[in-house]
Amino acid sequence: MVQAHRHEASGNAPERILRAALDAFSEKGFEGARTRDIAARADVTLGLVQYHFGSKEKLWKAAVERTFGELSNGLEALLANPAGHDERELLRLLLRGHVEFVAEHTEFIRIMHDEGKRRGARMRWLVDRYVKPLHIQLQPLIIRAQANGVLPRGIDPVHFVYIIVGATGMIFHQAEECKRVSGIDPAEPSAVEAHCRAVEALFLGHSNEGNE
């Protein structure tokens, strides 16, 4: 049986499983998603899911790590190598990058909204591993931006982070509602670009580029 699993695992099965798991967990939550259904979505056997990821909990963590790791790496790379950008430009790049990321990974937003409202072990794991380190990384940039007049002073950085998260991601989390209200599909490239510029203007004011 192990030999069969190893033979089947030689293709892109792990990637398909993670993709299917992200979709299932974002649509149904951890409790509602079943590994049997995830296996069916990925077109693999349930045994292969268990072979690669073990328990449902480990599969959830692997799926979250796959997506959150991509977001964290992009942020860390920008903050570690600002390449001469001042606080305004760094914030613009971060805002734009986050909008583009959540537009492409709507399942990430849904999972974060679902787990963030619970006092469970998965929320604590998410916060300790990813969310709190991101807040810590962003805090010095926000404080410098406040000191230099780029952002309003007297507001705790934690509020800025949550306001940014809401401003950048809500339209994608509520995509079906947005379509019904406005007829706009927020995932369309032109809509993503428009949202990038709107968020930039909201936090940083209009730029010449944004008014062209």
N, C-alpha and C. Protein backbone atom coordinates (compact mmCIF):
# COMPACT_ATOMS: atom_id res chain seq x y z
N MET A 1 0.84 -1.21 0.00
CA MET A 1 0.00 0.00 0.00
C MET A 1 0.87 1.25 0.00
N VAL A 2 1.94 1.26 0.82
CA VAL A 2 2.84 2.40 0.86
C VAL A 2 3.49 2.60 -0.49
N GLN A 3 3.89 1.49 -1.15
CA GLN A 3 4.50 1.60 -2.46
C GLN A 3 3.56 2.24 -3.46
N ALA A 4 2.29 1.85 -3.40
CA ALA A 4 1.29 2.43 -4.31
C ALA A 4 1.14 3.92 -4.07
N HIS A 5 1.13 4.30 -2.80
CA HIS A 5 1.02 5.73 -2.49
C HIS A 5 2.22 6.49 -3.03
N ARG A 6 3.40 5.92 -2.87
CA ARG A 6 4.60 6.60 -3.34
C ARG A 6 4.59 6.73 -4.85
N HIS A 7 4.11 5.73 -5.53
CA HIS A 7 4.04 5.80 -6.98
C HIS A 7 3.06 6.89 -7.41
N GLU A 8 1.90 6.94 -6.77
CA GLU A 8 0.88 7.93 -7.12
C GLU A 8 1.34 9.32 -6.75
N ALA A 9 2.18 9.43 -5.72
CA ALA A 9 2.61 10.74 -5.24
C ALA A 9 3.66 11.38 -6.13
N SER A 10 4.14 10.63 -7.15
CA SER A 10 5.22 11.15 -7.97
C SER A 10 4.79 12.33 -8.84
N GLY A 11 3.47 12.52 -9.06
CA GLY A 11 2.98 13.64 -9.85
C GLY A 11 2.80 14.87 -9.02
N ASN A 12 1.80 15.69 -9.36
CA ASN A 12 1.55 16.94 -8.65
C ASN A 12 0.41 16.81 -7.66
N ALA A 13 0.21 15.59 -7.13
CA ALA A 13 -0.89 15.35 -6.20
C ALA A 13 -0.84 16.25 -4.98
N PRO A 14 0.30 16.47 -4.31
CA PRO A 14 0.30 17.33 -3.12
C PRO A 14 -0.20 18.74 -3.43
N GLU A 15 0.21 19.28 -4.57
CA GLU A 15 -0.25 20.62 -4.94
C GLU A 15 -1.76 20.64 -5.18
N ARG A 16 -2.28 19.62 -5.83
CA ARG A 16 -3.72 19.57 -6.08
C ARG A 16 -4.49 19.43 -4.77
N ILE A 17 -3.93 18.66 -3.85
CA ILE A 17 -4.59 18.48 -2.55
C ILE A 17 -4.63 19.80 -1.79
N LEU A 18 -3.51 20.53 -1.77
CA LEU A 18 -3.48 21.81 -1.06
C LEU A 18 -4.45 22.81 -1.68
N ARG A 19 -4.51 22.83 -3.01
CA ARG A 19 -5.44 23.75 -3.69
C ARG A 19 -6.88 23.40 -3.33
N ALA A 20 -7.19 22.11 -3.36
CA ALA A 20 -8.54 21.67 -3.03
C ALA A 20 -8.86 21.94 -1.56
N ALA A 21 -7.87 21.78 -0.70
CA ALA A 21 -8.08 22.01 0.73
C ALA A 21 -8.36 23.49 1.00
N LEU A 22 -7.59 24.38 0.37
CA LEU A 22 -7.84 25.81 0.53
C LEU A 22 -9.26 26.17 0.13
N ASP A 23 -9.69 25.65 -1.01
CA ASP A 23 -11.05 25.93 -1.47
C ASP A 23 -12.09 25.40 -0.49
N ALA A 24 -11.90 24.17 -0.05
CA ALA A 24 -12.89 23.55 0.85
C ALA A 24 -12.94 24.26 2.21
N PHE A 25 -11.78 24.54 2.79
CA PHE A 25 -11.76 25.20 4.10
C PHE A 25 -12.32 26.62 4.01
N SER A 26 -12.07 27.31 2.89
CA SER A 26 -12.57 28.67 2.76
C SER A 26 -14.07 28.69 2.53
N GLU A 27 -14.61 27.68 1.88
CA GLU A 27 -16.04 27.63 1.60
C GLU A 27 -16.85 27.11 2.79
N LYS A 28 -16.32 26.11 3.48
CA LYS A 28 -17.11 25.41 4.49
C LYS A 28 -16.57 25.54 5.91
N GLY A 29 -15.42 26.17 6.05
CA GLY A 29 -14.80 26.23 7.37
C GLY A 29 -14.14 24.90 7.72
N PHE A 30 -13.38 24.93 8.80
CA PHE A 30 -12.65 23.71 9.18
C PHE A 30 -13.61 22.58 9.51
N GLU A 31 -14.63 22.88 10.30
CA GLU A 31 -15.54 21.82 10.73
C GLU A 31 -16.36 21.27 9.57
N GLY A 32 -16.75 22.14 8.64
CA GLY A 32 -17.60 21.70 7.55
C GLY A 32 -16.88 20.96 6.45
N ALA A 33 -15.59 21.24 6.29
CA ALA A 33 -14.83 20.59 5.22
C ALA A 33 -14.49 19.16 5.62
N ARG A 34 -14.61 18.23 4.69
CA ARG A 34 -14.29 16.83 4.94
C ARG A 34 -13.13 16.42 4.05
N THR A 35 -12.20 15.65 4.63
CA THR A 35 -11.04 15.21 3.85
C THR A 35 -11.46 14.33 2.67
N ARG A 36 -12.53 13.60 2.83
CA ARG A 36 -13.00 12.77 1.72
C ARG A 36 -13.41 13.65 0.52
N ASP A 37 -14.08 14.77 0.82
CA ASP A 37 -14.48 15.69 -0.24
C ASP A 37 -13.26 16.38 -0.86
N ILE A 38 -12.28 16.71 -0.01
CA ILE A 38 -11.05 17.33 -0.51
C ILE A 38 -10.33 16.38 -1.46
N ALA A 39 -10.28 15.11 -1.09
CA ALA A 39 -9.66 14.11 -1.96
C ALA A 39 -10.38 14.05 -3.31
N ALA A 40 -11.70 14.09 -3.27
CA ALA A 40 -12.48 14.04 -4.51
C ALA A 40 -12.20 15.27 -5.37
N ARG A 41 -12.12 16.43 -4.76
CA ARG A 41 -11.82 17.66 -5.51
C ARG A 41 -10.46 17.57 -6.17
N ALA A 42 -9.50 17.00 -5.45
CA ALA A 42 -8.13 16.90 -5.96
C ALA A 42 -7.94 15.72 -6.89
N ASP A 43 -8.99 14.88 -7.03
CA ASP A 43 -8.93 13.69 -7.88
C ASP A 43 -7.84 12.73 -7.42
N VAL A 44 -7.80 12.52 -6.10
CA VAL A 44 -6.87 11.55 -5.51
C VAL A 44 -7.64 10.70 -4.52
N THR A 45 -7.01 9.65 -4.05
CA THR A 45 -7.65 8.81 -3.04
C THR A 45 -7.54 9.46 -1.66
N LEU A 46 -8.45 9.11 -0.77
CA LEU A 46 -8.37 9.60 0.61
C LEU A 46 -7.07 9.14 1.25
N GLY A 47 -6.63 7.93 0.91
CA GLY A 47 -5.37 7.43 1.45
C GLY A 47 -4.18 8.29 1.08
N LEU A 48 -4.21 8.87 -0.13
CA LEU A 48 -3.10 9.70 -0.55
C LEU A 48 -3.07 11.02 0.22
N VAL A 49 -4.25 11.55 0.52
CA VAL A 49 -4.31 12.76 1.36
C VAL A 49 -3.70 12.46 2.72
N GLN A 50 -4.06 11.34 3.30
CA GLN A 50 -3.53 10.97 4.61
C GLN A 50 -2.04 10.67 4.54
N TYR A 51 -1.60 10.10 3.42
CA TYR A 51 -0.17 9.78 3.25
C TYR A 51 0.68 11.06 3.27
N HIS A 52 0.20 12.09 2.55
CA HIS A 52 0.98 13.32 2.44
C HIS A 52 0.83 14.23 3.65
N PHE A 53 -0.36 14.28 4.23
CA PHE A 53 -0.63 15.31 5.23
C PHE A 53 -1.10 14.78 6.58
N GLY A 54 -1.36 13.50 6.67
CA GLY A 54 -1.78 12.94 7.95
C GLY A 54 -3.20 13.36 8.30
N SER A 55 -3.33 14.12 9.38
CA SER A 55 -4.66 14.47 9.89
C SER A 55 -5.24 15.67 9.15
N LYS A 56 -6.52 15.89 9.35
CA LYS A 56 -7.20 17.07 8.80
C LYS A 56 -6.58 18.35 9.35
N GLU A 57 -6.21 18.36 10.61
CA GLU A 57 -5.58 19.53 11.22
C GLU A 57 -4.26 19.87 10.52
N LYS A 58 -3.46 18.85 10.25
CA LYS A 58 -2.17 19.08 9.57
C LYS A 58 -2.39 19.55 8.14
N LEU A 59 -3.41 19.05 7.48
CA LEU A 59 -3.73 19.50 6.13
C LEU A 59 -4.13 20.97 6.15
N TRP A 60 -4.95 21.35 7.12
CA TRP A 60 -5.36 22.76 7.24
C TRP A 60 -4.14 23.65 7.44
N LYS A 61 -3.24 23.26 8.33
CA LYS A 61 -2.05 24.07 8.58
C LYS A 61 -1.18 24.17 7.33
N ALA A 62 -1.02 23.07 6.61
CA ALA A 62 -0.20 23.09 5.40
C ALA A 62 -0.82 24.00 4.35
N ALA A 63 -2.14 23.97 4.23
CA ALA A 63 -2.82 24.82 3.25
C ALA A 63 -2.67 26.30 3.61
N VAL A 64 -2.82 26.61 4.90
CA VAL A 64 -2.68 27.99 5.35
C VAL A 64 -1.23 28.46 5.19
N GLU A 65 -0.28 27.61 5.55
CA GLU A 65 1.13 27.96 5.43
C GLU A 65 1.50 28.25 3.98
N ARG A 66 0.91 27.51 3.06
CA ARG A 66 1.20 27.70 1.64
C ARG A 66 0.84 29.12 1.21
N THR A 67 -0.32 29.61 1.65
CA THR A 67 -0.78 30.92 1.22
C THR A 67 -0.21 32.04 2.07
N PHE A 68 -0.25 31.89 3.39
CA PHE A 68 0.24 32.95 4.28
C PHE A 68 1.74 33.11 4.12
N GLY A 69 2.43 32.01 3.85
CA GLY A 69 3.87 32.10 3.64
C GLY A 69 4.21 32.98 2.46
N GLU A 70 3.41 32.88 1.39
CA GLU A 70 3.63 33.72 0.21
C GLU A 70 3.45 35.19 0.55
N LEU A 71 2.42 35.51 1.32
CA LEU A 71 2.18 36.89 1.73
C LEU A 71 3.31 37.40 2.62
N SER A 72 3.70 36.61 3.59
CA SER A 72 4.76 37.00 4.53
C SER A 72 6.08 37.22 3.82
N ASN A 73 6.41 36.33 2.88
CA ASN A 73 7.68 36.45 2.18
C ASN A 73 7.75 37.74 1.37
N GLY A 74 6.63 38.09 0.72
CA GLY A 74 6.62 39.33 -0.05
C GLY A 74 6.79 40.56 0.82
N LEU A 75 6.13 40.57 1.97
CA LEU A 75 6.25 41.69 2.89
C LEU A 75 7.66 41.78 3.46
N GLU A 76 8.20 40.65 3.88
CA GLU A 76 9.53 40.64 4.47
C GLU A 76 10.58 41.11 3.47
N ALA A 77 10.42 40.68 2.20
CA ALA A 77 11.39 41.07 1.18
C ALA A 77 11.37 42.58 0.96
N LEU A 78 10.19 43.18 0.95
CA LEU A 78 10.07 44.62 0.73
C LEU A 78 10.62 45.41 1.91
N LEU A 79 10.29 44.99 3.13
CA LEU A 79 10.75 45.73 4.31
C LEU A 79 12.24 45.55 4.54
N ALA A 80 12.77 44.38 4.18
CA ALA A 80 14.19 44.12 4.39
C ALA A 80 15.05 44.83 3.36
N ASN A 81 14.48 45.11 2.20
CA ASN A 81 15.25 45.76 1.13
C ASN A 81 14.42 46.88 0.52
N PRO A 82 14.26 48.00 1.25
CA PRO A 82 13.39 49.08 0.77
C PRO A 82 13.91 49.81 -0.47
N ALA A 83 15.16 49.57 -0.85
CA ALA A 83 15.73 50.10 -2.10
C ALA A 83 15.55 51.62 -2.21
N GLY A 84 15.75 52.32 -1.11
CA GLY A 84 15.70 53.77 -1.15
C GLY A 84 14.31 54.38 -1.13
N HIS A 85 13.26 53.55 -1.01
CA HIS A 85 11.90 54.09 -0.97
C HIS A 85 11.66 54.79 0.37
N ASP A 86 10.98 55.93 0.33
CA ASP A 86 10.59 56.57 1.57
C ASP A 86 9.34 55.91 2.12
N GLU A 87 8.87 56.42 3.27
CA GLU A 87 7.73 55.76 3.93
C GLU A 87 6.48 55.76 3.06
N ARG A 88 6.23 56.85 2.36
CA ARG A 88 5.04 56.93 1.51
C ARG A 88 5.08 55.87 0.40
N GLU A 89 6.23 55.76 -0.26
CA GLU A 89 6.33 54.81 -1.36
C GLU A 89 6.28 53.37 -0.85
N LEU A 90 6.92 53.12 0.29
CA LEU A 90 6.86 51.78 0.88
C LEU A 90 5.42 51.40 1.20
N LEU A 91 4.68 52.32 1.81
CA LEU A 91 3.28 52.05 2.12
C LEU A 91 2.47 51.85 0.85
N ARG A 92 2.75 52.62 -0.18
CA ARG A 92 2.02 52.45 -1.44
C ARG A 92 2.27 51.06 -2.02
N LEU A 93 3.52 50.64 -2.00
CA LEU A 93 3.85 49.32 -2.53
C LEU A 93 3.21 48.21 -1.70
N LEU A 94 3.22 48.39 -0.38
CA LEU A 94 2.60 47.39 0.50
C LEU A 94 1.09 47.32 0.29
N LEU A 95 0.44 48.47 0.19
CA LEU A 95 -1.01 48.50 -0.03
C LEU A 95 -1.36 47.85 -1.36
N ARG A 96 -0.65 48.22 -2.40
CA ARG A 96 -0.92 47.65 -3.72
C ARG A 96 -0.66 46.14 -3.72
N GLY A 97 0.44 45.75 -3.12
CA GLY A 97 0.76 44.33 -3.08
C GLY A 97 -0.29 43.52 -2.34
N HIS A 98 -0.82 44.11 -1.25
CA HIS A 98 -1.82 43.38 -0.48
C HIS A 98 -3.13 43.27 -1.25
N VAL A 99 -3.54 44.35 -1.91
CA VAL A 99 -4.76 44.28 -2.73
C VAL A 99 -4.61 43.21 -3.80
N GLU A 100 -3.51 43.21 -4.50
CA GLU A 100 -3.30 42.23 -5.57
C GLU A 100 -3.25 40.81 -5.02
N PHE A 101 -2.66 40.66 -3.84
CA PHE A 101 -2.58 39.33 -3.24
C PHE A 101 -3.97 38.80 -2.88
N VAL A 102 -4.76 39.59 -2.18
CA VAL A 102 -6.06 39.10 -1.73
C VAL A 102 -7.03 38.95 -2.91
N ALA A 103 -6.84 39.75 -3.96
CA ALA A 103 -7.67 39.58 -5.15
C ALA A 103 -7.42 38.23 -5.79
N GLU A 104 -6.19 37.77 -5.72
CA GLU A 104 -5.83 36.49 -6.32
C GLU A 104 -6.08 35.33 -5.37
N HIS A 105 -6.10 35.59 -4.06
CA HIS A 105 -6.25 34.53 -3.06
C HIS A 105 -7.44 34.84 -2.15
N THR A 106 -8.62 34.84 -2.73
CA THR A 106 -9.81 35.15 -1.93
C THR A 106 -10.06 34.10 -0.85
N GLU A 107 -9.59 32.89 -1.09
CA GLU A 107 -9.78 31.84 -0.08
C GLU A 107 -9.02 32.21 1.19
N PHE A 108 -7.90 32.92 1.07
CA PHE A 108 -7.13 33.36 2.22
C PHE A 108 -7.96 34.28 3.11
N ILE A 109 -8.64 35.24 2.49
CA ILE A 109 -9.47 36.19 3.23
C ILE A 109 -10.59 35.46 3.96
N ARG A 110 -11.24 34.53 3.29
CA ARG A 110 -12.36 33.83 3.91
C ARG A 110 -11.90 32.98 5.10
N ILE A 111 -10.77 32.32 4.96
CA ILE A 111 -10.24 31.51 6.07
C ILE A 111 -9.87 32.41 7.25
N MET A 112 -9.22 33.54 6.98
CA MET A 112 -8.82 34.44 8.06
C MET A 112 -10.04 35.02 8.77
N HIS A 113 -11.08 35.39 8.02
CA HIS A 113 -12.29 35.90 8.65
C HIS A 113 -12.94 34.83 9.50
N ASP A 114 -12.95 33.61 9.02
CA ASP A 114 -13.61 32.53 9.74
C ASP A 114 -12.88 32.18 11.03
N GLU A 115 -11.57 32.07 10.96
CA GLU A 115 -10.81 31.66 12.14
C GLU A 115 -10.58 32.83 13.11
N GLY A 116 -10.51 34.05 12.59
CA GLY A 116 -10.22 35.20 13.44
C GLY A 116 -11.31 35.52 14.44
N LYS A 117 -12.51 35.02 14.21
CA LYS A 117 -13.61 35.32 15.13
C LYS A 117 -13.76 34.25 16.22
N ARG A 118 -12.89 33.25 16.23
CA ARG A 118 -13.01 32.15 17.19
C ARG A 118 -11.85 32.17 18.18
N ARG A 119 -12.09 31.63 19.37
CA ARG A 119 -11.04 31.58 20.39
C ARG A 119 -10.35 30.22 20.42
N GLY A 120 -10.25 29.59 19.30
CA GLY A 120 -9.74 28.23 19.27
C GLY A 120 -8.24 28.14 19.06
N ALA A 121 -7.76 26.90 19.05
CA ALA A 121 -6.33 26.64 18.89
C ALA A 121 -5.84 27.07 17.51
N ARG A 122 -6.68 26.94 16.48
CA ARG A 122 -6.24 27.34 15.14
C ARG A 122 -6.03 28.85 15.07
N MET A 123 -6.90 29.63 15.70
CA MET A 123 -6.72 31.08 15.72
C MET A 123 -5.42 31.43 16.43
N ARG A 124 -5.15 30.79 17.57
CA ARG A 124 -3.93 31.08 18.31
C ARG A 124 -2.70 30.73 17.48
N TRP A 125 -2.77 29.62 16.77
CA TRP A 125 -1.66 29.20 15.90
C TRP A 125 -1.44 30.22 14.79
N LEU A 126 -2.51 30.67 14.16
CA LEU A 126 -2.41 31.67 13.10
C LEU A 126 -1.79 32.97 13.62
N VAL A 127 -2.28 33.43 14.75
CA VAL A 127 -1.79 34.69 15.31
C VAL A 127 -0.32 34.58 15.68
N ASP A 128 0.03 33.54 16.42
CA ASP A 128 1.40 33.40 16.91
C ASP A 128 2.40 33.19 15.78
N ARG A 129 1.99 32.46 14.76
CA ARG A 129 2.91 32.10 13.67
C ARG A 129 3.00 33.18 12.60
N TYR A 130 1.90 33.86 12.32
CA TYR A 130 1.87 34.77 11.17
C TYR A 130 1.36 36.17 11.50
N VAL A 131 0.20 36.29 12.13
CA VAL A 131 -0.44 37.60 12.26
C VAL A 131 0.38 38.53 13.16
N LYS A 132 0.74 38.07 14.35
CA LYS A 132 1.49 38.93 15.26
C LYS A 132 2.86 39.32 14.70
N PRO A 133 3.63 38.40 14.09
CA PRO A 133 4.89 38.81 13.48
C PRO A 133 4.70 39.87 12.39
N LEU A 134 3.61 39.78 11.62
CA LEU A 134 3.35 40.79 10.59
C LEU A 134 3.08 42.16 11.23
N HIS A 135 2.29 42.16 12.30
CA HIS A 135 2.03 43.42 13.02
C HIS A 135 3.35 44.01 13.53
N ILE A 136 4.20 43.18 14.08
CA ILE A 136 5.47 43.65 14.63
C ILE A 136 6.35 44.23 13.53
N GLN A 137 6.34 43.59 12.35
CA GLN A 137 7.14 44.08 11.23
C GLN A 137 6.63 45.42 10.71
N LEU A 138 5.32 45.59 10.68
CA LEU A 138 4.73 46.80 10.12
C LEU A 138 4.78 48.00 11.07
N GLN A 139 4.84 47.73 12.36
CA GLN A 139 4.74 48.81 13.35
C GLN A 139 5.80 49.89 13.17
N PRO A 140 7.10 49.56 12.98
CA PRO A 140 8.08 50.64 12.83
C PRO A 140 7.82 51.52 11.60
N LEU A 141 7.38 50.91 10.48
CA LEU A 141 7.08 51.68 9.28
C LEU A 141 5.92 52.65 9.54
N ILE A 142 4.88 52.17 10.22
CA ILE A 142 3.73 53.02 10.51
C ILE A 142 4.13 54.17 11.43
N ILE A 143 4.94 53.88 12.43
CA ILE A 143 5.39 54.93 13.36
C ILE A 143 6.22 55.98 12.62
N ARG A 144 7.10 55.55 11.73
CA ARG A 144 7.91 56.51 10.95
C ARG A 144 7.01 57.34 10.04
N ALA A 145 6.03 56.67 9.42
CA ALA A 145 5.11 57.40 8.54
C ALA A 145 4.30 58.43 9.31
N GLN A 146 3.92 58.11 10.54
CA GLN A 146 3.21 59.09 11.37
C GLN A 146 4.13 60.25 11.74
N ALA A 147 5.35 59.95 12.10
CA ALA A 147 6.29 61.00 12.49
C ALA A 147 6.58 61.96 11.35
N ASN A 148 6.55 61.44 10.11
CA ASN A 148 6.85 62.25 8.93
C ASN A 148 5.61 62.84 8.27
N GLY A 149 4.46 62.67 8.92
CA GLY A 149 3.23 63.26 8.40
C GLY A 149 2.58 62.53 7.25
N VAL A 150 3.04 61.32 6.96
CA VAL A 150 2.43 60.53 5.88
C VAL A 150 1.11 59.93 6.34
N LEU A 151 1.06 59.51 7.60
CA LEU A 151 -0.16 58.98 8.21
C LEU A 151 -0.52 59.86 9.41
N PRO A 152 -1.81 59.92 9.77
CA PRO A 152 -2.21 60.73 10.93
C PRO A 152 -1.55 60.23 12.22
N ARG A 153 -1.18 61.17 13.06
CA ARG A 153 -0.56 60.82 14.34
C ARG A 153 -1.63 60.51 15.37
N GLY A 154 -1.19 59.91 16.47
CA GLY A 154 -2.09 59.65 17.59
C GLY A 154 -2.97 58.43 17.44
N ILE A 155 -2.74 57.63 16.41
CA ILE A 155 -3.52 56.41 16.20
C ILE A 155 -2.58 55.22 16.40
N ASP A 156 -2.97 54.31 17.26
CA ASP A 156 -2.15 53.13 17.52
C ASP A 156 -1.98 52.33 16.22
N PRO A 157 -0.76 51.87 15.92
CA PRO A 157 -0.53 51.13 14.67
C PRO A 157 -1.46 49.93 14.49
N VAL A 158 -1.90 49.30 15.58
CA VAL A 158 -2.78 48.14 15.43
C VAL A 158 -4.07 48.53 14.71
N HIS A 159 -4.55 49.73 14.96
CA HIS A 159 -5.77 50.18 14.29
C HIS A 159 -5.52 50.39 12.80
N PHE A 160 -4.36 50.95 12.47
CA PHE A 160 -4.03 51.12 11.06
C PHE A 160 -4.00 49.77 10.34
N VAL A 161 -3.38 48.78 10.97
CA VAL A 161 -3.26 47.48 10.31
C VAL A 161 -4.64 46.89 10.03
N TYR A 162 -5.53 46.94 11.02
CA TYR A 162 -6.86 46.35 10.81
C TYR A 162 -7.69 47.17 9.83
N ILE A 163 -7.52 48.49 9.84
CA ILE A 163 -8.23 49.31 8.86
C ILE A 163 -7.73 48.99 7.45
N ILE A 164 -6.43 48.82 7.31
CA ILE A 164 -5.86 48.47 6.01
C ILE A 164 -6.38 47.11 5.54
N VAL A 165 -6.38 46.14 6.44
CA VAL A 165 -6.87 44.80 6.08
C VAL A 165 -8.31 44.86 5.60
N GLY A 166 -9.14 45.62 6.32
CA GLY A 166 -10.53 45.74 5.90
C GLY A 166 -10.68 46.47 4.58
N ALA A 167 -9.94 47.57 4.42
CA ALA A 167 -10.05 48.37 3.21
C ALA A 167 -9.57 47.61 1.98
N THR A 168 -8.51 46.83 2.12
CA THR A 168 -7.97 46.13 0.97
C THR A 168 -8.76 44.88 0.61
N GLY A 169 -9.27 44.17 1.61
CA GLY A 169 -9.81 42.85 1.34
C GLY A 169 -11.31 42.68 1.32
N MET A 170 -12.07 43.60 1.91
CA MET A 170 -13.50 43.36 2.07
C MET A 170 -14.23 43.21 0.74
N ILE A 171 -13.84 43.99 -0.25
CA ILE A 171 -14.53 43.93 -1.53
C ILE A 171 -14.39 42.55 -2.18
N PHE A 172 -13.29 41.87 -1.91
CA PHE A 172 -13.06 40.54 -2.49
C PHE A 172 -13.75 39.47 -1.65
N HIS A 173 -13.78 39.68 -0.33
CA HIS A 173 -14.52 38.77 0.54
C HIS A 173 -16.00 38.80 0.22
N GLN A 174 -16.51 40.00 -0.09
CA GLN A 174 -17.93 40.20 -0.40
C GLN A 174 -18.15 40.32 -1.91
N ALA A 175 -17.43 39.53 -2.68
CA ALA A 175 -17.45 39.69 -4.13
C ALA A 175 -18.84 39.54 -4.73
N GLU A 176 -19.60 38.54 -4.28
CA GLU A 176 -20.93 38.33 -4.85
C GLU A 176 -21.86 39.49 -4.51
N GLU A 177 -21.72 40.02 -3.31
CA GLU A 177 -22.50 41.19 -2.93
C GLU A 177 -22.14 42.39 -3.80
N CYS A 178 -20.84 42.57 -4.04
CA CYS A 178 -20.38 43.68 -4.87
C CYS A 178 -20.95 43.57 -6.28
N LYS A 179 -20.96 42.35 -6.82
CA LYS A 179 -21.52 42.16 -8.16
C LYS A 179 -22.99 42.53 -8.20
N ARG A 180 -23.72 42.15 -7.15
CA ARG A 180 -25.15 42.44 -7.09
C ARG A 180 -25.41 43.93 -6.93
N VAL A 181 -24.59 44.59 -6.11
CA VAL A 181 -24.78 46.02 -5.84
C VAL A 181 -24.41 46.86 -7.06
N SER A 182 -23.27 46.54 -7.67
CA SER A 182 -22.70 47.46 -8.66
C SER A 182 -22.57 46.89 -10.07
N GLY A 183 -22.71 45.57 -10.19
CA GLY A 183 -22.45 44.95 -11.48
C GLY A 183 -20.97 44.79 -11.78
N ILE A 184 -20.13 45.11 -10.81
CA ILE A 184 -18.68 45.01 -10.99
C ILE A 184 -18.17 43.71 -10.37
N ASP A 185 -17.36 42.97 -11.11
CA ASP A 185 -16.67 41.81 -10.57
C ASP A 185 -15.33 42.29 -10.05
N PRO A 186 -15.14 42.33 -8.73
CA PRO A 186 -13.90 42.91 -8.18
C PRO A 186 -12.65 42.13 -8.58
N ALA A 187 -12.81 40.90 -9.05
CA ALA A 187 -11.64 40.11 -9.44
C ALA A 187 -11.14 40.45 -10.84
N GLU A 188 -11.92 41.20 -11.62
CA GLU A 188 -11.47 41.60 -12.95
C GLU A 188 -10.24 42.50 -12.83
N PRO A 189 -9.26 42.33 -13.72
CA PRO A 189 -8.02 43.13 -13.59
C PRO A 189 -8.25 44.62 -13.50
N SER A 190 -9.20 45.16 -14.29
CA SER A 190 -9.45 46.60 -14.24
C SER A 190 -10.01 47.01 -12.88
N ALA A 191 -10.85 46.13 -12.27
CA ALA A 191 -11.41 46.43 -10.96
C ALA A 191 -10.34 46.34 -9.87
N VAL A 192 -9.44 45.37 -10.01
CA VAL A 192 -8.34 45.25 -9.05
C VAL A 192 -7.47 46.50 -9.09
N GLU A 193 -7.16 46.96 -10.29
CA GLU A 193 -6.35 48.17 -10.43
C GLU A 193 -7.07 49.37 -9.84
N ALA A 194 -8.37 49.49 -10.12
CA ALA A 194 -9.15 50.60 -9.56
C ALA A 194 -9.16 50.56 -8.04
N HIS A 195 -9.24 49.34 -7.47
CA HIS A 195 -9.24 49.23 -6.01
C HIS A 195 -7.86 49.57 -5.45
N CYS A 196 -6.80 49.17 -6.14
CA CYS A 196 -5.45 49.56 -5.70
C CYS A 196 -5.35 51.08 -5.59
N ARG A 197 -5.81 51.77 -6.62
CA ARG A 197 -5.71 53.23 -6.63
C ARG A 197 -6.62 53.87 -5.57
N ALA A 198 -7.77 53.27 -5.37
CA ALA A 198 -8.68 53.81 -4.35
C ALA A 198 -8.07 53.69 -2.96
N VAL A 199 -7.46 52.54 -2.67
CA VAL A 199 -6.85 52.33 -1.35
C VAL A 199 -5.65 53.26 -1.18
N GLU A 200 -4.84 53.40 -2.22
CA GLU A 200 -3.71 54.32 -2.16
C GLU A 200 -4.19 55.75 -1.87
N ALA A 201 -5.23 56.17 -2.58
CA ALA A 201 -5.75 57.53 -2.36
C ALA A 201 -6.31 57.70 -0.96
N LEU A 202 -6.97 56.65 -0.47
CA LEU A 202 -7.57 56.72 0.86
C LEU A 202 -6.52 56.95 1.94
N PHE A 203 -5.42 56.25 1.86
CA PHE A 203 -4.42 56.32 2.92
C PHE A 203 -3.33 57.36 2.64
N LEU A 204 -3.01 57.57 1.36
CA LEU A 204 -1.84 58.37 1.02
C LEU A 204 -2.15 59.62 0.20
N GLY A 205 -3.41 59.81 -0.17
CA GLY A 205 -3.76 60.92 -1.02
C GLY A 205 -3.53 60.59 -2.48
N HIS A 206 -4.07 61.39 -3.37
CA HIS A 206 -3.94 61.15 -4.80
C HIS A 206 -2.51 61.43 -5.25
N SER A 207 -2.08 60.59 -6.18
CA SER A 207 -0.77 60.81 -6.81
C SER A 207 -1.00 61.21 -8.26
N ASN A 208 0.05 61.75 -8.88
CA ASN A 208 -0.07 62.09 -10.30
C ASN A 208 -0.36 60.87 -11.13
N GLU A 209 0.26 59.75 -10.79
CA GLU A 209 0.04 58.51 -11.51
C GLU A 209 -1.41 58.09 -11.40
N GLY A 210 -2.00 58.23 -10.20
CA GLY A 210 -3.36 57.80 -10.02
C GLY A 210 -4.36 58.68 -10.72
N ASN A 211 -3.97 59.95 -11.10
CA ASN A 211 -4.90 60.85 -11.73
C ASN A 211 -4.77 60.89 -13.24
N GLU A 212 -3.82 60.14 -13.78
CA GLU A 212 -3.62 60.15 -15.22
C GLU A 212 -4.78 59.47 -15.93
